[in-house]
Amino acid sequence: MADLLLMGVRFALFAVLMLIAGLAALPLHALEPGDRRNPGPGSIVARPLPWLCAAALLLSLLGMAVLTASMQGVGLFAIDPAMVAALVRETDVGTAWLVRMAALLVATVGAFRIARNPEAAATIVAVAAAVALTTLAWSGHAGASEGTAGWIHRASDALHMLAAAIWLGAIAGFLLLLRPSKPASRDRLAKTARSLDRFAPVGTICVFVIAATGLVNGQMIVGAGNIGRSIGSPYGQLLAIKLVLFAAMLGLAAANRWRLTPALGRALDEPDIDPASAARAMRHSLILEALTGLAILALVAWFGMLEPFDPA
C-alpha cells in the first residue's frame, strides 16, 4: 500500500512541478513582450501558479512522509519522526528534498507577485521551479548511480525533465489560452496563434533534448547490450509503452505545428470566417497530447521504482 501511495505522490509531484516550470516559462519564450503584462495572455497562463506552488509544497511534504513509511514498513501515521529527521539530515535524498522545499517557497512568493511584475516574477518562478524539478533526479535510478557516472546520469535526467516541463507546460498554457468563450475573442486567438508559432522552435529543441537524454539515461540504466533482457521485465515493458506514447505525442505535435496552427492562422486572416472551429480542433488535439503526456508521467512514476532486470 505504501509503495502504491509513493507512486501516486511521485506522479503528482512530477506533473505539478513540470506544470509550474513550464507555465512560468511559457510567457518568456512564446509570448510577445506586450502580451506578458497584466491583463493579457501572460496573466491567463500565470493564473494557476499560486495554487500549483501550494500543491507542490504539500506533495513534497507528503512524499517525504510516504518515503519514510515505505522504508520503515509501517503505515503513514505510524512513522518515526526521528527516522524522518535522519533521512533529511543524513542522505542525498534528504538534501535534495530540502533544496526542493526552499526552491518551492521562492516559487510561491514569486507566483503571488506575478500580477505586479509579470516578467521578473515569472522568471523567478520558472528558475525556482526548475531547481525544484531537478531535485527529483535524486529520487529515481539516477539517484542510485555513484561517482562521475552518477553526476552525468543526474544531469541527463534533469535536462530530460526540464525539456519535458517546457513542452507539457506549453500544452497546458495553450489550453488555457484556447478555452471556449462566447463570443470567441479574435484578438486572444490571434495572440495565441502567434505564440504557437513562436513556440515551434522551442518545442523542436525540447524534442531533441528529450530524445538525446533519453538515450543517455537508457544506456546508464539498461545498456545497449541488455535491451533484449530488459524487455522480459516489467521495467522494460513499461519503458516500451512509454516510447510508443512518446511517438504518439510527436505525431500530435507535428499535426499541431504543420496543420492545425496554419489552419487557425488562415481562419483569423479571413474576417468573414469564424475561427472558433479551428480553435476547437487545436484544443481537442492539445487535450489528447496532454493526456498522453500525463500517461507517460504515470509510467515514469511507476517504472522509476522498479529494477530494470527483475522478472515479472
Protein backbone atom coordinates (compact mmCIF):
# COMPACT_ATOMS: atom_id res chain seq x y z
CA MET A 1 0.00 0.00 0.00
CA ALA A 2 2.83 2.39 0.88
CA ASP A 3 4.52 1.71 -2.47
CA LEU A 4 1.29 2.46 -4.34
CA LEU A 5 0.86 5.71 -2.43
CA LEU A 6 4.51 6.61 -3.08
CA MET A 7 4.00 6.01 -6.80
CA GLY A 8 0.92 8.26 -6.75
CA VAL A 9 2.79 11.03 -4.97
CA ARG A 10 5.69 10.70 -7.41
CA PHE A 11 3.31 11.08 -10.35
CA ALA A 12 1.55 14.09 -8.83
CA LEU A 13 4.85 15.76 -7.94
CA PHE A 14 6.27 15.19 -11.43
CA ALA A 15 3.13 16.65 -13.00
CA VAL A 16 2.78 19.68 -10.71
CA LEU A 17 6.45 20.68 -10.80
CA MET A 18 6.54 20.38 -14.60
CA LEU A 19 3.40 22.49 -14.89
CA ILE A 20 4.83 25.21 -12.64
CA ALA A 21 8.13 25.38 -14.53
CA GLY A 22 6.52 25.12 -17.97
CA LEU A 23 3.69 27.59 -17.35
CA ALA A 24 6.03 30.17 -15.80
CA ALA A 25 8.47 29.83 -18.70
CA LEU A 26 5.85 29.96 -21.48
CA PRO A 27 5.33 33.77 -21.50
CA LEU A 28 9.10 34.30 -21.53
CA HIS A 29 9.78 32.33 -24.71
CA ALA A 30 6.44 32.16 -26.55
CA LEU A 31 4.56 35.41 -25.84
CA GLU A 32 5.46 38.75 -27.32
CA PRO A 33 6.69 41.26 -24.70
CA GLY A 34 3.48 43.29 -24.79
CA ASP A 35 1.37 40.17 -24.17
CA ARG A 36 3.21 39.24 -20.95
CA ARG A 37 1.73 42.11 -18.96
CA ASN A 38 -1.49 42.10 -16.95
CA PRO A 39 -4.15 41.95 -18.32
CA GLY A 40 -3.20 39.77 -21.25
CA PRO A 41 -2.33 36.20 -22.25
CA GLY A 42 0.53 36.15 -19.76
CA SER A 43 -1.82 36.72 -16.83
CA ILE A 44 -4.14 33.95 -18.08
CA VAL A 45 -1.25 31.47 -18.21
CA ALA A 46 0.04 32.54 -14.78
CA ARG A 47 -3.32 32.31 -13.02
CA PRO A 48 -2.92 28.70 -11.73
CA LEU A 49 0.66 29.18 -10.49
CA PRO A 50 -0.03 30.12 -6.83
CA TRP A 51 -2.29 27.09 -6.41
CA LEU A 52 0.17 24.79 -8.13
CA CYS A 53 3.02 26.02 -5.92
CA ALA A 54 0.96 25.39 -2.79
CA ALA A 55 0.10 21.89 -4.08
CA ALA A 56 3.78 21.17 -4.78
CA LEU A 57 4.76 22.12 -1.22
CA LEU A 58 2.11 19.83 0.24
CA LEU A 59 3.01 16.99 -2.11
CA SER A 60 6.70 17.30 -1.26
CA LEU A 61 5.90 17.12 2.46
CA LEU A 62 3.64 14.13 1.86
CA GLY A 63 6.27 12.49 -0.33
CA MET A 64 8.87 12.58 2.44
CA ALA A 65 6.38 11.09 4.90
CA VAL A 66 5.37 8.33 2.48
CA LEU A 67 9.01 7.53 1.65
CA THR A 68 9.79 7.19 5.34
CA ALA A 69 6.75 4.96 5.88
CA SER A 70 7.80 2.77 2.95
CA MET A 71 11.35 2.42 4.31
CA GLN A 72 10.09 1.58 7.80
CA GLY A 73 7.39 -0.77 6.54
CA VAL A 74 4.71 0.97 8.61
CA GLY A 75 1.57 2.98 7.96
CA LEU A 76 1.71 6.67 7.16
CA PHE A 77 0.54 7.64 10.65
CA ALA A 78 2.99 5.32 12.40
CA ILE A 79 6.25 6.76 11.07
CA ASP A 80 9.03 7.62 13.50
CA PRO A 81 9.80 11.39 13.48
CA ALA A 82 13.43 10.57 14.32
CA MET A 83 13.60 8.48 11.14
CA VAL A 84 12.30 11.41 9.10
CA ALA A 85 14.88 13.73 10.65
CA ALA A 86 17.70 11.25 9.96
CA LEU A 87 16.55 10.80 6.36
CA VAL A 88 16.51 14.57 5.80
CA ARG A 89 19.85 15.26 7.53
CA GLU A 90 21.96 12.29 6.50
CA THR A 91 21.03 11.30 2.95
CA ASP A 92 21.31 12.79 -0.52
CA VAL A 93 17.56 12.32 -0.91
CA GLY A 94 17.05 14.46 2.20
CA THR A 95 19.38 17.18 0.92
CA ALA A 96 17.53 17.20 -2.40
CA TRP A 97 14.24 17.47 -0.51
CA LEU A 98 15.47 20.49 1.48
CA VAL A 99 16.61 22.21 -1.73
CA ARG A 100 13.22 21.43 -3.31
CA MET A 101 11.30 22.90 -0.38
CA ALA A 102 13.43 26.06 -0.39
CA ALA A 103 13.02 26.46 -4.16
CA LEU A 104 9.26 25.95 -3.88
CA LEU A 105 8.99 28.61 -1.20
CA VAL A 106 10.78 31.05 -3.53
CA ALA A 107 8.49 29.99 -6.40
CA THR A 108 5.40 30.51 -4.24
CA VAL A 109 6.43 34.06 -3.31
CA GLY A 110 7.15 34.81 -6.96
CA ALA A 111 3.81 33.34 -8.09
CA PHE A 112 1.90 35.74 -5.83
CA ARG A 113 3.84 38.72 -7.28
CA ILE A 114 3.33 37.97 -10.98
CA ALA A 115 0.41 40.40 -11.26
CA ARG A 116 2.68 43.26 -10.07
CA ASN A 117 5.82 42.46 -12.07
CA PRO A 118 4.98 39.78 -14.64
CA GLU A 119 8.31 39.22 -16.38
CA ALA A 120 10.60 39.36 -13.35
CA ALA A 121 8.29 37.27 -11.18
CA ALA A 122 7.71 34.71 -13.93
CA THR A 123 11.48 34.38 -14.36
CA ILE A 124 11.90 33.78 -10.63
CA VAL A 125 9.13 31.18 -10.59
CA ALA A 126 10.49 29.41 -13.68
CA VAL A 127 14.05 29.22 -12.31
CA ALA A 128 12.95 28.17 -8.82
CA ALA A 129 10.59 25.53 -10.21
CA ALA A 130 13.35 24.25 -12.50
CA VAL A 131 15.61 23.83 -9.45
CA ALA A 132 12.82 22.03 -7.58
CA LEU A 133 12.18 19.75 -10.55
CA THR A 134 15.84 18.79 -10.98
CA THR A 135 15.97 17.58 -7.36
CA LEU A 136 13.73 14.69 -8.43
CA ALA A 137 16.78 13.27 -10.23
CA TRP A 138 17.90 12.06 -6.78
CA SER A 139 14.69 10.07 -6.23
CA GLY A 140 14.94 7.50 -9.04
CA HIS A 141 17.53 5.38 -10.80
CA ALA A 142 19.83 8.37 -11.33
CA GLY A 143 19.99 8.87 -7.57
CA ALA A 144 21.42 5.39 -7.13
CA SER A 145 24.31 5.99 -9.55
CA GLU A 146 27.66 6.82 -8.00
CA GLY A 147 30.80 8.76 -8.93
CA THR A 148 31.23 10.63 -12.19
CA ALA A 149 28.74 8.36 -13.95
CA GLY A 150 26.19 9.28 -11.30
CA TRP A 151 26.61 13.02 -11.90
CA ILE A 152 26.34 12.51 -15.67
CA HIS A 153 23.20 10.43 -15.16
CA ARG A 154 21.60 13.00 -12.85
CA ALA A 155 22.49 15.88 -15.20
CA SER A 156 20.97 13.98 -18.11
CA ASP A 157 17.87 13.14 -16.06
CA ALA A 158 17.49 16.80 -15.03
CA LEU A 159 17.71 18.02 -18.65
CA HIS A 160 15.22 15.31 -19.65
CA MET A 161 12.71 16.55 -17.08
CA LEU A 162 13.26 20.24 -17.85
CA ALA A 163 12.67 19.74 -21.57
CA ALA A 164 9.53 17.74 -20.79
CA ALA A 165 8.38 20.50 -18.43
CA ILE A 166 8.69 23.19 -21.10
CA TRP A 167 6.72 21.01 -23.53
CA LEU A 168 3.96 19.97 -21.09
CA GLY A 169 3.72 23.46 -19.60
CA ALA A 170 3.26 24.90 -23.08
CA ILE A 171 0.42 22.46 -23.79
CA ALA A 172 -1.29 23.49 -20.55
CA GLY A 173 -0.74 27.17 -21.27
CA PHE A 174 -2.16 26.99 -24.78
CA LEU A 175 -5.19 25.10 -23.47
CA LEU A 176 -5.80 27.98 -21.04
CA LEU A 177 -5.50 30.49 -23.88
CA LEU A 178 -7.80 28.45 -26.13
CA ARG A 179 -10.51 27.89 -23.53
CA PRO A 180 -14.00 28.30 -25.00
CA SER A 181 -15.59 31.74 -24.79
CA LYS A 182 -18.73 33.26 -26.25
CA PRO A 183 -18.25 35.14 -28.40
CA ALA A 184 -14.80 33.86 -29.33
CA SER A 185 -12.18 36.60 -28.88
CA ARG A 186 -10.40 37.03 -32.21
CA ASP A 187 -7.73 39.15 -30.53
CA ARG A 188 -6.91 36.47 -27.96
CA LEU A 189 -6.95 33.76 -30.63
CA ALA A 190 -4.64 35.83 -32.82
CA LYS A 191 -2.18 36.26 -29.95
CA THR A 192 -2.40 32.53 -29.24
CA ALA A 193 -1.71 31.69 -32.89
CA ARG A 194 1.39 33.92 -32.84
CA SER A 195 2.51 32.26 -29.62
CA LEU A 196 2.08 28.81 -31.15
CA ASP A 197 4.39 29.89 -33.99
CA ARG A 198 6.93 31.32 -31.54
CA PHE A 199 6.90 28.10 -29.50
CA ALA A 200 7.56 25.85 -32.52
CA PRO A 201 11.40 26.11 -32.50
CA VAL A 202 11.45 25.79 -28.70
CA GLY A 203 9.32 22.67 -28.96
CA THR A 204 11.68 21.21 -31.55
CA ILE A 205 14.65 21.76 -29.23
CA CYS A 206 12.72 20.09 -26.39
CA VAL A 207 12.09 17.01 -28.54
CA PHE A 208 15.79 16.68 -29.41
CA VAL A 209 16.84 17.15 -25.77
CA ILE A 210 14.30 14.57 -24.57
CA ALA A 211 15.44 12.07 -27.20
CA ALA A 212 19.16 12.61 -26.57
CA THR A 213 18.93 12.49 -22.77
CA GLY A 214 16.58 9.52 -23.01
CA LEU A 215 19.29 7.61 -24.86
CA VAL A 216 21.86 8.57 -22.21
CA ASN A 217 19.53 7.53 -19.39
CA GLY A 218 18.74 4.26 -21.13
CA GLN A 219 22.43 3.48 -21.52
CA MET A 220 23.06 4.29 -17.86
CA ILE A 221 20.20 2.13 -16.57
CA VAL A 222 19.92 -0.73 -19.06
CA GLY A 223 22.82 -0.59 -21.51
CA ALA A 224 22.57 -1.21 -25.25
CA GLY A 225 23.63 -4.82 -24.85
CA ASN A 226 20.89 -5.60 -22.34
CA ILE A 227 17.83 -4.34 -24.21
CA GLY A 228 16.56 -7.83 -25.01
CA ARG A 229 17.00 -8.90 -21.42
CA SER A 230 15.14 -5.88 -20.05
CA ILE A 231 12.10 -6.42 -22.33
CA GLY A 232 11.31 -9.53 -20.29
CA SER A 233 10.90 -7.41 -17.14
CA PRO A 234 8.05 -5.09 -16.12
CA TYR A 235 10.52 -2.19 -16.29
CA GLY A 236 11.37 -2.89 -19.93
CA GLN A 237 7.74 -3.42 -20.90
CA LEU A 238 6.62 -0.16 -19.30
CA LEU A 239 9.53 1.65 -20.95
CA ALA A 240 8.45 0.27 -24.32
CA ILE A 241 4.91 1.57 -23.73
CA LYS A 242 6.39 4.96 -22.82
CA LEU A 243 8.26 5.08 -26.14
CA VAL A 244 5.06 4.28 -28.05
CA LEU A 245 3.24 7.08 -26.23
CA PHE A 246 6.14 9.46 -26.88
CA ALA A 247 5.85 8.67 -30.60
CA ALA A 248 2.12 9.44 -30.36
CA MET A 249 2.91 12.80 -28.75
CA LEU A 250 5.31 13.57 -31.58
CA GLY A 251 2.59 12.80 -34.11
CA LEU A 252 0.11 15.09 -32.34
CA ALA A 253 2.71 17.86 -32.00
CA ALA A 254 3.53 17.58 -35.71
CA ALA A 255 -0.17 17.85 -36.60
CA ASN A 256 -0.48 20.93 -34.40
CA ARG A 257 2.58 22.56 -35.94
CA TRP A 258 2.05 21.81 -39.61
CA ARG A 259 -1.72 21.53 -39.96
CA LEU A 260 -3.76 22.99 -37.10
CA THR A 261 -1.71 26.13 -36.36
CA PRO A 262 -1.69 27.24 -40.03
CA ALA A 263 -5.43 26.49 -40.21
CA LEU A 264 -6.04 28.73 -37.20
CA GLY A 265 -3.93 31.47 -38.78
CA ARG A 266 -5.86 31.25 -42.08
CA ALA A 267 -9.20 31.43 -40.23
CA LEU A 268 -8.06 34.56 -38.40
CA ASP A 269 -6.88 36.20 -41.63
CA GLU A 270 -10.36 35.96 -43.13
CA PRO A 271 -12.73 38.43 -41.40
CA ASP A 272 -15.80 36.56 -42.64
CA ILE A 273 -14.71 33.21 -41.15
CA ASP A 274 -15.44 32.27 -37.54
CA PRO A 275 -12.12 30.94 -36.14
CA ALA A 276 -13.94 29.02 -33.37
CA SER A 277 -13.91 25.78 -35.37
CA ALA A 278 -10.14 25.94 -35.96
CA ALA A 279 -9.57 26.81 -32.30
CA ARG A 280 -11.75 23.88 -31.24
CA ALA A 281 -9.76 21.46 -33.41
CA MET A 282 -6.50 22.73 -31.91
CA ARG A 283 -7.92 22.48 -28.40
CA HIS A 284 -9.02 18.86 -28.91
CA SER A 285 -5.59 17.92 -30.27
CA LEU A 286 -3.85 19.60 -27.32
CA ILE A 287 -6.11 17.74 -24.87
CA LEU A 288 -5.09 14.43 -26.45
CA GLU A 289 -1.44 15.49 -26.30
CA ALA A 290 -1.81 16.46 -22.63
CA LEU A 291 -3.48 13.17 -21.71
CA THR A 292 -0.71 11.26 -23.50
CA GLY A 293 1.90 13.26 -21.61
CA LEU A 294 0.20 12.53 -18.28
CA ALA A 295 0.11 8.83 -19.15
CA ILE A 296 3.87 8.97 -19.77
CA LEU A 297 4.42 10.64 -16.38
CA ALA A 298 2.36 7.91 -14.71
CA LEU A 299 4.56 5.26 -16.35
CA VAL A 300 7.72 7.09 -15.28
CA ALA A 301 6.46 7.28 -11.69
CA TRP A 302 5.83 3.52 -11.86
CA PHE A 303 8.90 2.10 -13.57
CA GLY A 304 11.17 4.55 -11.75
CA MET A 305 10.53 2.36 -8.69
CA LEU A 306 11.36 -0.92 -10.49
CA GLU A 307 14.64 -2.70 -11.14
CA PRO A 308 15.34 -3.00 -14.88
CA PHE A 309 16.02 -6.74 -14.92
CA ASP A 310 13.68 -8.09 -12.25
CA PRO A 311 11.32 -10.69 -13.80
CA ALA A 312 7.57 -10.21 -13.64
